Amino acid sequence: MNGIKKILLYQLVAVSAYAGTFPPEAPAEGAEHPPNIILIMVDDMGYGGLSCYDNRYYETPEIDRLAEEGLLLTDYHSNGTVCTPTRAALMTGRYQHRTGCYRVCNADPEHEDHRRGLLTNEWTFAEALKEAGYTTAIYGKWHLGYDPKFNPVHHGFDEYRGFVSGNIDAHSHYDRMETFDWWRGDERKDDRGYHTDVLTEHTLDFIERNKERPFFVYLSHGAPHSPHQARGSEILRGPDKGKVPEWGIGEPEYTDIPGDKNWLFRHFILPVDEGVGRIRQRVEELGLAENTLIWFISDNGGTTRNWTTSPLTRGSKAKVYEGGHRVPGIVWAPGRIQADTSDELIVGMDIMPTCMALADVQAPAGHHLDGIDVGPALFDGKPLPPRTVFWGWGGEKRALREGPWKLVRNELYNLDDDPRETTDLAEKYPEKAQEMAKKQRAMFEEALSDSPYD
C-alpha cells in the first residue's frame, strides 16, 4: 500500500503497470446465484479522508485492507458535488437532472425544495436487482425526498432503517429542523444508539439473514457530515440536548488537535472503518467472499470543517473543481478482482449498470441509462471507451470532462499534466474551451428536459 500512497502523493492519477494483463476471473466454483452487492457510501468524505488515499492524520486500516485486496480507483467521481444529486444518480444509473433531484432536498418545510423527491416511476437500482431475485435493503441516509411517498420502500427496497434528511444528530436522530428523523420502513420509530454503529449492526444482521440468497444492501452512513459527533459526544439536537448518551459513557475526552489520538474527527470516522472491517469479516466467515462485491464510495468532496479535503485536489464540497467530486472509490471482490489500482474514469451512475450486468438484468425497453458497465475495467483490467461526463446545473456551477480535458465554467485544464487544476489553458486553446462549453450546455439541457420538476 505504501507504493500506492507514493503514486497518489506525486501523481494523483496512478497508472497501473498491469492494466489489461489479467484474465477475467470466473465466479467462484459452486456459486449458485449472481454476486451479492454491498454498497457502502460515506457522506462528505473527500480525497483526504482515508489513509489509502491522502489522509495525513490517522490510519483507516480496515478500509485500506479493502483497497489492498481489491481495486483502488484513482479517478472515481460522484455525480454531484452535494448530497441529493449524487444519490439520485446512484439509485437510477442516470444523470440526476432526469429525475428532478439535481438540487438538494431541503429539510425546511417552507423551502421550495422540501417537496422535491425521487418519484416512484423512476426505475431504481433496487428494483433492477429484485428482477434477478435479490433481497434488498438500505440502512442509513436516503435524502431523496421528505414526503413518505418518496420512502425507499416505494423504490424496491425490502427493508429500510435510517433517515431521510441531509443530516441528523448521531445520538438523538433529530435533523437540523429539530424534527425526529429515524424510520423503520415507512414508520417513524427509533433504533437507539450511535448512528454509525446502529447502521453497521443492521447491515451485519441483514447479511446473516440472507446468506443463502442473493442480496443487495446499501449502507449509507451519515459520517463524516456535520454535526461532528463521536460516540462520547454530547447530544446537540432534541429534548436531551447537552447530555452524553449512555453508550458514550467511558469514551475519551475529545480534543480539537489534528492527529491527536483523542481528536474528535478521528473518533468520528474510525467507527465507520471498524464497521467496514466487521462487514468484510462477516462476509468471509459466512463463506460469501468469493461471490460478493463491496463498493466503498463517497457522495461528494470533503469540507474544510471535516478535515477530509486534500492538497492533491482543488476545491471542496459544492465546487465543481476536482475536490468537489473526485472522491475515494474502492471495489473489493476476491472472486473477481485482482489487487491493483485503476486510473479509469468511473462515475457513481456507473455502479448500477455494472451490477445489472453481473446480475444479467436488462433495462426496460426504451429506458435510457447514462451510466455504463465498467466491469471490463474492474474485472479484466481493460480500458474503457472514451466518454464525456458533466457536472453541475449551468451558471457558475458547471463542468465537463472529456478525456484528460476538463472545463470548469470558462476555465480549461488538462488533468494529465495538471491534476490540481492550477493552470487555466482557455486562452491557449480557445476553440477547445468553446467546444466543451457548448457540449456541456447541450448535455445539461438534454438531461434536464426529462425533469418532472421546474
Protein backbone atom coordinates (compact mmCIF):
# COMPACT_ATOMS: atom_id res chain seq x y z
CA MET A 1 0.00 0.00 0.00
CA ASN A 2 2.94 2.35 0.56
CA GLY A 3 3.62 2.22 -3.16
CA ILE A 4 0.04 3.23 -3.91
CA LYS A 5 0.26 6.15 -1.50
CA LYS A 6 3.53 7.33 -3.04
CA ILE A 7 2.00 7.30 -6.52
CA LEU A 8 -1.02 9.23 -5.29
CA LEU A 9 1.08 11.79 -3.47
CA TYR A 10 3.10 12.70 -6.52
CA GLN A 11 0.87 11.94 -9.46
CA LEU A 12 -2.75 11.79 -8.18
CA VAL A 13 -3.65 9.54 -11.07
CA ALA A 14 -1.91 6.20 -10.70
CA VAL A 15 -1.19 4.25 -13.85
CA SER A 16 -1.19 0.52 -13.32
CA ALA A 17 1.68 -1.30 -14.97
CA TYR A 18 -0.53 -4.34 -15.28
CA ALA A 19 -3.66 -2.87 -16.83
CA GLY A 20 -5.19 -5.28 -19.28
CA THR A 21 -2.91 -8.23 -18.44
CA PHE A 22 -5.16 -10.16 -16.08
CA PRO A 23 -7.58 -12.72 -17.49
CA PRO A 24 -11.19 -12.44 -16.41
CA GLU A 25 -11.87 -14.13 -13.09
CA ALA A 26 -14.62 -16.73 -13.21
CA PRO A 27 -17.26 -16.77 -10.49
CA ALA A 28 -16.40 -18.96 -7.55
CA GLU A 29 -16.89 -22.67 -8.17
CA GLY A 30 -20.29 -23.77 -6.98
CA ALA A 31 -21.76 -20.27 -6.87
CA GLU A 32 -25.48 -20.72 -7.44
CA HIS A 33 -26.59 -17.12 -7.77
CA PRO A 34 -25.31 -13.75 -9.00
CA PRO A 35 -22.94 -11.93 -6.67
CA ASN A 36 -24.07 -10.24 -3.51
CA ILE A 37 -23.70 -6.45 -3.65
CA ILE A 38 -22.72 -4.39 -0.61
CA LEU A 39 -22.64 -0.68 -1.40
CA ILE A 40 -21.12 1.47 1.36
CA MET A 41 -21.35 5.23 0.98
CA VAL A 42 -19.93 7.82 3.35
CA ASP A 43 -21.10 11.42 3.49
CA ASP A 44 -18.86 14.40 2.67
CA MET A 45 -15.57 12.46 2.58
CA GLY A 46 -13.01 13.96 0.24
CA TYR A 47 -9.79 12.56 -1.22
CA GLY A 48 -8.04 13.17 2.11
CA GLY A 49 -10.42 11.07 4.19
CA LEU A 50 -8.65 7.68 4.04
CA SER A 51 -5.06 6.67 4.66
CA CYS A 52 -5.03 4.64 1.42
CA TYR A 53 -5.53 7.96 -0.36
CA ASP A 54 -4.21 11.14 1.29
CA ASN A 55 -5.16 11.12 4.98
CA ARG A 56 -2.28 12.71 6.86
CA TYR A 57 -3.73 12.44 10.37
CA TYR A 58 -4.69 8.84 11.20
CA GLU A 59 -4.95 5.36 9.69
CA THR A 60 -8.10 3.69 8.36
CA PRO A 61 -6.79 0.10 8.35
CA GLU A 62 -10.00 -1.76 7.53
CA ILE A 63 -10.91 0.34 4.51
CA ASP A 64 -7.25 0.29 3.49
CA ARG A 65 -7.46 -3.50 3.52
CA LEU A 66 -10.32 -3.40 1.02
CA ALA A 67 -8.07 -1.29 -1.21
CA GLU A 68 -5.07 -3.58 -0.73
CA GLU A 69 -7.05 -6.70 -1.59
CA GLY A 70 -9.28 -5.08 -4.20
CA LEU A 71 -9.17 -2.26 -6.70
CA LEU A 72 -8.37 1.29 -5.61
CA LEU A 73 -9.89 3.78 -8.06
CA THR A 74 -7.83 6.95 -8.50
CA ASP A 75 -10.26 8.60 -10.94
CA TYR A 76 -13.60 7.85 -9.30
CA HIS A 77 -16.17 10.67 -9.14
CA SER A 78 -19.51 11.33 -7.54
CA ASN A 79 -22.13 12.62 -9.97
CA GLY A 80 -22.92 15.55 -7.72
CA THR A 81 -20.95 17.87 -5.51
CA VAL A 82 -23.65 17.76 -2.81
CA CYS A 83 -25.82 15.01 -1.32
CA THR A 84 -29.14 14.61 -3.15
CA PRO A 85 -27.87 14.82 -6.75
CA THR A 86 -25.26 12.11 -6.25
CA ARG A 87 -27.75 9.79 -4.57
CA ALA A 88 -30.31 10.23 -7.34
CA ALA A 89 -27.72 9.32 -9.99
CA LEU A 90 -26.50 6.36 -7.93
CA MET A 91 -30.01 4.97 -7.46
CA THR A 92 -31.07 5.34 -11.11
CA GLY A 93 -27.90 5.00 -13.19
CA ARG A 94 -28.91 8.29 -14.83
CA TYR A 95 -27.94 11.91 -14.56
CA GLN A 96 -29.78 13.32 -11.58
CA HIS A 97 -31.26 16.05 -13.79
CA ARG A 98 -33.54 13.47 -15.41
CA THR A 99 -35.10 12.68 -12.03
CA GLY A 100 -35.52 16.31 -10.96
CA CYS A 101 -33.23 15.66 -7.98
CA TYR A 102 -30.36 17.81 -9.22
CA ARG A 103 -30.89 20.17 -6.29
CA VAL A 104 -30.73 19.30 -2.60
CA CYS A 105 -33.96 18.14 -0.96
CA ASN A 106 -34.24 20.76 1.77
CA ALA A 107 -35.19 19.93 5.38
CA ASP A 108 -37.06 23.21 5.87
CA PRO A 109 -40.79 22.64 5.16
CA GLU A 110 -41.03 26.26 3.97
CA HIS A 111 -38.33 25.80 1.34
CA GLU A 112 -39.45 25.08 -2.24
CA ASP A 113 -37.09 22.09 -2.48
CA HIS A 114 -38.63 20.41 0.55
CA ARG A 115 -41.25 18.98 -1.82
CA ARG A 116 -38.69 17.64 -4.28
CA GLY A 117 -38.01 13.88 -4.31
CA LEU A 118 -37.43 10.75 -6.34
CA LEU A 119 -40.72 9.80 -7.98
CA THR A 120 -41.89 6.20 -7.90
CA ASN A 121 -41.96 5.95 -11.68
CA GLU A 122 -38.15 6.03 -11.67
CA TRP A 123 -36.63 2.58 -12.21
CA THR A 124 -34.10 2.13 -9.43
CA PHE A 125 -31.02 0.10 -8.55
CA ALA A 126 -33.02 -1.94 -6.04
CA GLU A 127 -35.87 -2.60 -8.47
CA ALA A 128 -33.39 -3.75 -11.12
CA LEU A 129 -31.75 -6.28 -8.80
CA LYS A 130 -35.08 -7.55 -7.49
CA GLU A 131 -35.77 -8.71 -11.05
CA ALA A 132 -32.83 -11.09 -10.60
CA GLY A 133 -34.18 -12.39 -7.29
CA TYR A 134 -32.20 -10.19 -4.92
CA THR A 135 -33.37 -9.29 -1.44
CA THR A 136 -32.74 -5.59 -0.92
CA ALA A 137 -32.16 -3.22 1.98
CA ILE A 138 -30.99 0.30 2.74
CA TYR A 139 -29.65 1.33 6.12
CA GLY A 140 -28.86 4.98 6.66
CA LYS A 141 -29.24 8.23 4.79
CA TRP A 142 -31.75 8.42 1.91
CA HIS A 143 -32.09 12.17 1.18
CA LEU A 144 -34.25 11.67 -1.88
CA GLY A 145 -37.45 13.17 -0.55
CA TYR A 146 -39.13 14.04 2.76
CA ASP A 147 -42.69 13.12 1.86
CA PRO A 148 -43.45 9.50 2.85
CA LYS A 149 -44.35 8.76 -0.77
CA PHE A 150 -40.62 9.05 -1.58
CA ASN A 151 -39.60 6.49 1.08
CA PRO A 152 -37.13 3.80 -0.08
CA VAL A 153 -39.70 1.05 0.50
CA HIS A 154 -41.52 2.50 -2.52
CA HIS A 155 -38.37 2.21 -4.63
CA GLY A 156 -37.64 -1.50 -4.49
CA PHE A 157 -36.08 -1.81 -1.03
CA ASP A 158 -37.50 -4.60 1.11
CA GLU A 159 -36.09 -3.09 4.29
CA TYR A 160 -35.24 0.42 5.45
CA ARG A 161 -33.80 1.70 8.70
CA GLY A 162 -32.41 5.21 8.69
CA PHE A 163 -33.12 8.86 7.99
CA VAL A 164 -34.46 10.85 5.06
CA SER A 165 -32.83 14.17 5.89
CA GLY A 166 -29.45 15.51 4.86
CA ASN A 167 -28.02 15.03 8.34
CA ILE A 168 -29.11 14.06 11.84
CA ASP A 169 -27.76 14.18 15.36
CA ALA A 170 -25.71 11.00 15.68
CA HIS A 171 -27.36 10.13 19.01
CA SER A 172 -30.85 11.63 19.16
CA HIS A 173 -31.59 11.25 15.42
CA TYR A 174 -33.10 14.74 15.07
CA ASP A 175 -32.45 16.70 11.90
CA ARG A 176 -31.38 20.34 11.62
CA MET A 177 -35.00 21.50 11.83
CA GLU A 178 -35.28 19.71 15.21
CA THR A 179 -37.54 17.09 13.62
CA PHE A 180 -37.15 13.47 14.75
CA ASP A 181 -35.95 11.59 11.68
CA TRP A 182 -35.47 7.84 12.05
CA TRP A 183 -37.54 5.38 10.09
CA ARG A 184 -38.29 1.68 10.16
CA GLY A 185 -39.73 1.20 6.73
CA ASP A 186 -42.34 3.91 6.28
CA GLU A 187 -42.89 4.38 10.04
CA ARG A 188 -41.07 6.86 12.28
CA LYS A 189 -39.60 4.71 15.03
CA ASP A 190 -36.22 4.94 16.72
CA ASP A 191 -33.32 2.50 16.84
CA ARG A 192 -31.46 3.83 19.86
CA GLY A 193 -27.72 4.23 19.56
CA TYR A 194 -24.86 5.98 17.81
CA HIS A 195 -25.93 6.17 14.17
CA THR A 196 -22.76 4.64 12.64
CA ASP A 197 -22.87 1.65 14.96
CA VAL A 198 -26.61 1.12 14.58
CA LEU A 199 -26.33 1.06 10.78
CA THR A 200 -23.42 -1.37 10.88
CA GLU A 201 -25.38 -3.73 13.15
CA HIS A 202 -28.39 -3.68 10.82
CA THR A 203 -26.14 -4.47 7.86
CA LEU A 204 -24.49 -7.39 9.64
CA ASP A 205 -27.87 -8.79 10.63
CA PHE A 206 -29.19 -8.47 7.08
CA ILE A 207 -26.18 -10.32 5.65
CA GLU A 208 -26.61 -13.12 8.19
CA ARG A 209 -30.33 -13.48 7.44
CA ASN A 210 -29.84 -13.54 3.68
CA LYS A 211 -26.67 -15.59 3.33
CA GLU A 212 -28.46 -18.28 1.31
CA ARG A 213 -29.82 -15.93 -1.38
CA PRO A 214 -28.51 -13.05 -3.49
CA PHE A 215 -28.71 -9.77 -1.62
CA PHE A 216 -28.14 -6.07 -2.20
CA VAL A 217 -27.54 -3.87 0.82
CA TYR A 218 -26.94 -0.13 0.59
CA LEU A 219 -25.21 1.11 3.76
CA SER A 220 -25.41 4.90 3.63
CA HIS A 221 -23.50 6.41 6.55
CA GLY A 222 -24.11 9.87 7.99
CA ALA A 223 -20.42 10.38 8.82
CA PRO A 224 -18.39 12.47 8.33
CA HIS A 225 -21.14 15.02 7.56
CA SER A 226 -21.93 17.51 10.31
CA PRO A 227 -22.91 17.54 13.10
CA HIS A 228 -19.50 16.19 14.06
CA GLN A 229 -20.08 13.78 16.93
CA ALA A 230 -18.16 10.79 18.21
CA ARG A 231 -19.58 8.06 20.43
CA GLY A 232 -18.97 10.09 23.58
CA SER A 233 -20.03 13.49 22.25
CA GLU A 234 -22.92 15.43 23.73
CA ILE A 235 -26.33 15.32 22.11
CA LEU A 236 -26.77 18.51 20.07
CA ARG A 237 -30.43 18.31 19.00
CA GLY A 238 -33.71 17.23 20.51
CA PRO A 239 -35.07 17.12 24.08
CA ASP A 240 -31.87 15.60 25.56
CA LYS A 241 -29.57 18.28 24.18
CA GLY A 242 -26.40 18.64 26.27
CA LYS A 243 -26.41 15.10 27.65
CA VAL A 244 -23.90 12.36 26.89
CA PRO A 245 -25.86 9.22 25.95
CA GLU A 246 -25.41 6.04 27.93
CA TRP A 247 -23.49 4.37 25.10
CA GLY A 248 -20.99 7.25 25.18
CA ILE A 249 -20.10 6.94 28.87
CA GLY A 250 -16.46 5.99 29.27
CA GLU A 251 -15.37 7.35 25.90
CA PRO A 252 -12.27 9.60 25.93
CA GLU A 253 -12.32 13.36 26.33
CA TYR A 254 -12.06 14.60 22.75
CA THR A 255 -9.65 17.26 21.55
CA ASP A 256 -9.60 19.57 18.53
CA ILE A 257 -5.93 18.85 17.81
CA PRO A 258 -5.44 17.31 14.34
CA GLY A 259 -3.63 13.99 14.58
CA ASP A 260 -4.07 13.64 18.34
CA LYS A 261 -5.16 10.14 19.43
CA ASN A 262 -8.29 11.64 21.00
CA TRP A 263 -9.00 14.06 18.17
CA LEU A 264 -12.78 14.29 17.65
CA PHE A 265 -12.63 13.75 13.91
CA ARG A 266 -10.52 10.61 14.30
CA HIS A 267 -13.16 9.15 16.61
CA PHE A 268 -15.91 10.32 14.24
CA ILE A 269 -14.56 8.41 11.21
CA LEU A 270 -12.95 5.35 12.80
CA PRO A 271 -16.32 3.77 13.75
CA VAL A 272 -17.04 3.69 10.01
CA ASP A 273 -13.69 1.99 9.42
CA GLU A 274 -14.33 -0.52 12.21
CA GLY A 275 -17.74 -1.30 10.77
CA VAL A 276 -16.32 -1.90 7.30
CA GLY A 277 -13.91 -4.39 8.82
CA ARG A 278 -16.70 -6.19 10.65
CA ILE A 279 -18.75 -6.43 7.45
CA ARG A 280 -15.84 -7.85 5.45
CA GLN A 281 -15.07 -10.30 8.23
CA ARG A 282 -18.69 -11.46 8.43
CA VAL A 283 -18.80 -12.00 4.67
CA GLU A 284 -15.65 -14.11 4.91
CA GLU A 285 -16.87 -16.09 7.93
CA LEU A 286 -20.08 -16.98 6.11
CA GLY A 287 -18.13 -18.20 3.09
CA LEU A 288 -19.56 -15.50 0.84
CA ALA A 289 -16.40 -13.59 -0.09
CA GLU A 290 -15.86 -15.32 -3.44
CA ASN A 291 -19.32 -14.25 -4.59
CA THR A 292 -19.63 -10.76 -3.07
CA LEU A 293 -18.73 -7.26 -4.24
CA ILE A 294 -18.16 -4.49 -1.74
CA TRP A 295 -18.14 -0.94 -3.07
CA PHE A 296 -16.84 1.87 -0.87
CA ILE A 297 -17.53 5.39 -2.13
CA SER A 298 -18.29 8.94 -1.00
CA ASP A 299 -21.18 11.13 -2.12
CA ASN A 300 -19.10 14.26 -2.73
CA GLY A 301 -15.92 16.03 -1.70
CA GLY A 302 -14.94 16.91 1.82
CA THR A 303 -15.22 20.17 3.68
CA THR A 304 -12.57 22.20 5.42
CA ARG A 305 -14.52 21.65 8.63
CA ASN A 306 -14.33 17.85 8.49
CA TRP A 307 -10.64 17.68 7.52
CA THR A 308 -11.09 15.29 4.58
CA THR A 309 -10.09 17.66 1.79
CA SER A 310 -6.73 17.03 0.14
CA PRO A 311 -3.98 19.24 -1.30
CA LEU A 312 -3.96 16.80 -4.21
CA THR A 313 -7.30 18.21 -5.39
CA ARG A 314 -8.54 21.77 -5.76
CA GLY A 315 -11.77 22.80 -4.10
CA SER A 316 -14.20 21.05 -1.78
CA LYS A 317 -17.85 20.09 -1.41
CA ALA A 318 -20.26 22.07 -3.63
CA LYS A 319 -17.43 23.08 -6.00
CA VAL A 320 -17.06 21.63 -9.48
CA TYR A 321 -13.28 21.58 -9.26
CA GLU A 322 -11.88 18.09 -8.64
CA GLY A 323 -12.10 18.44 -4.86
CA GLY A 324 -15.88 18.65 -5.12
CA HIS A 325 -16.39 15.31 -6.86
CA ARG A 326 -13.17 13.28 -7.15
CA VAL A 327 -13.57 11.07 -4.10
CA PRO A 328 -12.49 7.71 -2.68
CA GLY A 329 -13.68 4.70 -4.65
CA ILE A 330 -12.77 1.09 -3.81
CA VAL A 331 -14.11 -2.21 -5.14
CA TRP A 332 -13.41 -5.45 -3.23
CA ALA A 333 -14.37 -8.76 -4.83
CA PRO A 334 -11.93 -11.62 -4.12
CA GLY A 335 -13.61 -13.93 -6.60
CA ARG A 336 -13.45 -11.43 -9.45
CA ILE A 337 -10.90 -8.66 -8.90
CA GLN A 338 -7.11 -8.75 -8.75
CA ALA A 339 -5.49 -6.41 -6.22
CA ASP A 340 -4.44 -3.32 -8.16
CA THR A 341 -5.17 0.33 -8.85
CA SER A 342 -7.14 1.74 -11.76
CA ASP A 343 -6.97 5.20 -13.32
CA GLU A 344 -10.09 4.68 -15.46
CA LEU A 345 -12.74 7.41 -15.26
CA ILE A 346 -15.63 5.91 -13.28
CA VAL A 347 -18.68 7.82 -12.03
CA GLY A 348 -21.33 6.95 -9.45
CA MET A 349 -24.04 6.38 -12.05
CA ASP A 350 -21.90 3.54 -13.48
CA ILE A 351 -22.36 1.33 -10.42
CA MET A 352 -25.97 0.39 -11.17
CA PRO A 353 -25.40 -0.75 -14.79
CA THR A 354 -22.23 -2.58 -13.74
CA CYS A 355 -24.13 -4.56 -11.10
CA MET A 356 -27.01 -5.13 -13.52
CA ALA A 357 -24.57 -6.76 -15.93
CA LEU A 358 -23.32 -9.07 -13.19
CA ALA A 359 -26.90 -9.99 -12.31
CA ASP A 360 -27.84 -10.38 -16.00
CA VAL A 361 -30.57 -7.75 -15.78
CA GLN A 362 -31.61 -5.64 -18.76
CA ALA A 363 -33.14 -2.18 -18.57
CA PRO A 364 -36.77 -1.92 -19.70
CA ALA A 365 -37.26 -1.35 -23.40
CA GLY A 366 -36.69 2.29 -24.25
CA HIS A 367 -35.26 3.10 -20.80
CA HIS A 368 -32.10 5.20 -21.03
CA LEU A 369 -29.16 4.75 -18.65
CA ASP A 370 -26.41 7.38 -18.66
CA GLY A 371 -24.03 5.21 -16.65
CA ILE A 372 -22.06 2.42 -18.31
CA ASP A 373 -20.98 -1.08 -17.35
CA VAL A 374 -17.40 -0.59 -16.12
CA GLY A 375 -16.93 -4.31 -15.49
CA PRO A 376 -14.25 -4.67 -18.18
CA ALA A 377 -12.06 -2.20 -16.27
CA LEU A 378 -12.81 -3.69 -12.85
CA PHE A 379 -12.62 -7.39 -13.65
CA ASP A 380 -10.46 -7.64 -16.77
CA GLY A 381 -8.16 -4.61 -16.48
CA LYS A 382 -9.31 -3.34 -19.86
CA PRO A 383 -9.50 0.36 -20.79
CA LEU A 384 -12.95 1.90 -21.01
CA PRO A 385 -14.14 3.62 -24.18
CA PRO A 386 -13.71 7.41 -24.37
CA ARG A 387 -16.57 9.27 -22.73
CA THR A 388 -17.77 12.73 -21.82
CA VAL A 389 -19.21 13.47 -18.37
CA PHE A 390 -20.69 16.66 -16.98
CA TRP A 391 -21.35 18.08 -13.52
CA GLY A 392 -23.47 20.92 -12.24
CA TRP A 393 -26.59 22.69 -13.33
CA GLY A 394 -25.41 25.57 -15.51
CA GLY A 395 -24.39 29.07 -14.50
CA GLU A 396 -21.27 29.22 -12.34
CA LYS A 397 -21.53 25.61 -11.17
CA ARG A 398 -20.81 23.66 -14.31
CA ALA A 399 -18.01 21.39 -15.51
CA LEU A 400 -17.31 18.93 -18.32
CA ARG A 401 -14.76 16.13 -18.53
CA GLU A 402 -13.58 14.78 -21.87
CA GLY A 403 -10.51 12.56 -21.72
CA PRO A 404 -7.83 14.49 -19.84
CA TRP A 405 -9.56 17.81 -20.56
CA LYS A 406 -11.79 19.46 -18.03
CA LEU A 407 -13.77 22.66 -18.38
CA VAL A 408 -14.76 24.44 -15.16
CA ARG A 409 -17.06 27.34 -16.04
CA ASN A 410 -14.86 29.05 -18.67
CA GLU A 411 -11.57 27.64 -17.39
CA LEU A 412 -9.79 24.82 -19.20
CA TYR A 413 -7.45 22.31 -17.57
CA ASN A 414 -5.51 19.24 -18.69
CA LEU A 415 -5.72 16.80 -15.77
CA ASP A 416 -2.95 14.57 -17.08
CA ASP A 417 -0.48 17.44 -16.74
CA ASP A 418 -2.25 19.44 -14.05
CA PRO A 419 -4.41 17.29 -11.74
CA ARG A 420 -4.63 20.12 -9.21
CA GLU A 421 -6.22 22.46 -11.77
CA THR A 422 -3.71 25.26 -11.30
CA THR A 423 -3.14 26.46 -14.89
CA ASP A 424 -6.06 27.72 -16.97
CA LEU A 425 -5.46 26.87 -20.65
CA ALA A 426 -8.57 28.52 -22.07
CA GLU A 427 -6.65 31.37 -23.69
CA LYS A 428 -4.15 28.93 -25.17
CA TYR A 429 -6.86 26.63 -26.55
CA PRO A 430 -9.90 28.88 -27.04
CA GLU A 431 -11.59 26.63 -29.61
CA LYS A 432 -11.35 23.64 -27.30
CA ALA A 433 -12.83 25.65 -24.43
CA GLN A 434 -15.69 26.93 -26.58
CA GLU A 435 -16.42 23.48 -27.98
CA MET A 436 -16.56 21.96 -24.49
CA ALA A 437 -18.72 24.79 -23.13
CA LYS A 438 -21.22 24.21 -25.92
CA LYS A 439 -21.23 20.47 -25.24
CA GLN A 440 -21.76 20.98 -21.51
CA ARG A 441 -24.78 23.20 -22.10
CA ALA A 442 -26.25 20.74 -24.57
CA MET A 443 -25.80 17.74 -22.27
CA PHE A 444 -27.23 19.63 -19.31
CA GLU A 445 -30.26 20.87 -21.24
CA GLU A 446 -30.94 17.44 -22.75
CA ALA A 447 -30.86 15.73 -19.35
CA LEU A 448 -32.88 18.47 -17.68
CA SER A 449 -35.57 18.19 -20.35
CA ASP A 450 -36.65 14.93 -18.67
CA SER A 451 -37.04 16.51 -15.24
CA PRO A 452 -40.54 16.28 -13.70
CA TYR A 453 -39.78 19.45 -11.70
CA ASP A 454 -39.12 23.03 -12.72
